[in-house]
Protein backbone atom coordinates (compact mmCIF):
# COMPACT_ATOMS: atom_id res chain seq x y z
CA MET A 1 -24.16 52.34 53.03
CA THR A 2 -25.65 55.79 53.16
CA LEU A 3 -23.73 59.01 52.75
CA LEU A 4 -24.33 59.80 56.43
CA THR A 5 -22.79 56.48 57.47
CA ALA A 6 -19.71 57.13 55.36
CA HIS A 7 -19.50 60.64 56.85
CA ARG A 8 -19.65 59.21 60.38
CA ILE A 9 -16.88 56.72 59.59
CA LEU A 10 -14.63 59.46 58.21
CA ILE A 11 -15.31 61.83 61.12
CA GLY A 12 -14.69 59.05 63.65
CA THR A 13 -11.40 58.20 61.95
CA ALA A 14 -10.38 61.86 61.98
CA VAL A 15 -11.12 62.10 65.71
CA ALA A 16 -8.95 59.04 66.37
CA PHE A 17 -6.07 60.49 64.34
CA PHE A 18 -6.36 63.89 66.02
CA ILE A 19 -6.17 62.24 69.45
CA TYR A 20 -3.21 60.07 68.43
CA TYR A 21 -1.34 63.03 66.94
CA GLY A 22 -2.03 65.19 69.99
CA LEU A 23 -0.70 62.53 72.36
CA TRP A 24 2.31 61.98 70.11
CA GLU A 25 3.08 65.71 70.20
CA PHE A 26 2.78 65.76 74.00
CA ALA A 27 5.19 62.82 74.22
CA GLY A 28 7.65 64.67 71.97
CA TRP A 29 7.29 67.79 74.06
CA ARG A 30 8.16 65.86 77.22
CA VAL A 31 11.35 64.58 75.59
CA THR A 32 12.54 67.77 73.88
CA GLY A 33 10.90 70.48 75.98
CA ALA A 34 10.09 72.51 72.85
CA ALA A 35 7.05 74.75 73.31
CA GLY A 36 5.76 73.99 69.82
CA GLY A 37 4.96 70.41 70.79
CA ILE A 38 2.61 71.38 73.59
CA VAL A 39 0.87 73.94 71.39
CA ARG A 40 0.39 71.48 68.52
CA GLY A 41 -0.79 68.81 70.95
CA ALA A 42 -3.32 71.13 72.58
CA VAL A 43 -4.64 72.35 69.23
CA SER A 44 -4.93 68.77 68.00
CA LEU A 45 -6.86 67.65 71.07
CA ALA A 46 -9.12 70.70 70.78
CA GLY A 47 -9.77 69.75 67.16
CA ALA A 48 -10.56 66.21 68.26
CA GLY A 49 -13.01 67.59 70.81
CA GLY A 50 -14.72 69.75 68.21
CA LEU A 51 -14.99 66.92 65.71
CA GLY A 52 -16.17 64.59 68.47
CA TRP A 53 -18.92 67.02 69.40
CA TYR A 54 -19.89 67.29 65.73
CA PHE A 55 -19.93 63.49 65.47
CA LEU A 56 -22.25 63.20 68.46
CA THR A 57 -24.66 65.83 67.13
CA LEU A 58 -24.92 64.33 63.63
CA ARG A 59 -27.84 62.19 64.75
CA GLN A 60 -29.79 65.24 65.91
CA ARG A 61 -29.25 67.25 62.74
CA GLY A 62 -32.27 67.61 60.59
CA ARG A 63 -34.54 70.20 59.16
CA PRO A 64 -36.03 72.49 61.82
CA ASP A 65 -39.52 72.23 60.32
CA GLY A 66 -39.49 68.44 60.62
CA LYS A 67 -40.13 67.89 56.92
CA ALA A 68 -38.17 65.43 54.86
CA GLY A 69 -35.40 66.79 52.69
CA PRO A 70 -35.09 66.68 48.91
CA GLY A 71 -35.28 63.22 47.45
CA ALA A 72 -37.04 61.77 50.49
CA ALA A 73 -40.07 60.74 48.45
CA ALA A 74 -37.84 58.66 46.19
CA ARG A 75 -36.43 56.92 49.28
CA GLY A 76 -39.87 56.39 50.78
CA GLY A 77 -39.43 59.02 53.49
CA GLY A 78 -41.75 61.74 52.22
CA ARG A 79 -44.92 62.79 54.03
């Protein structure tokens, strides 16, 4: 498993937890009517959206010059 794979797993898990927590807060808000629940739920879902966007752009991240990064020659990826 590469470091990038582990990073993707952790980010994906964080997105799932952010979504669950946001929906849980919205459900609590509907029961109690407290304004804090809707704010926390909205912030949580916004965080999930931001992390989800980051997760989707991980594949596209690389060096702008197209060269392999440090240690690439040891992994067989150098030019």
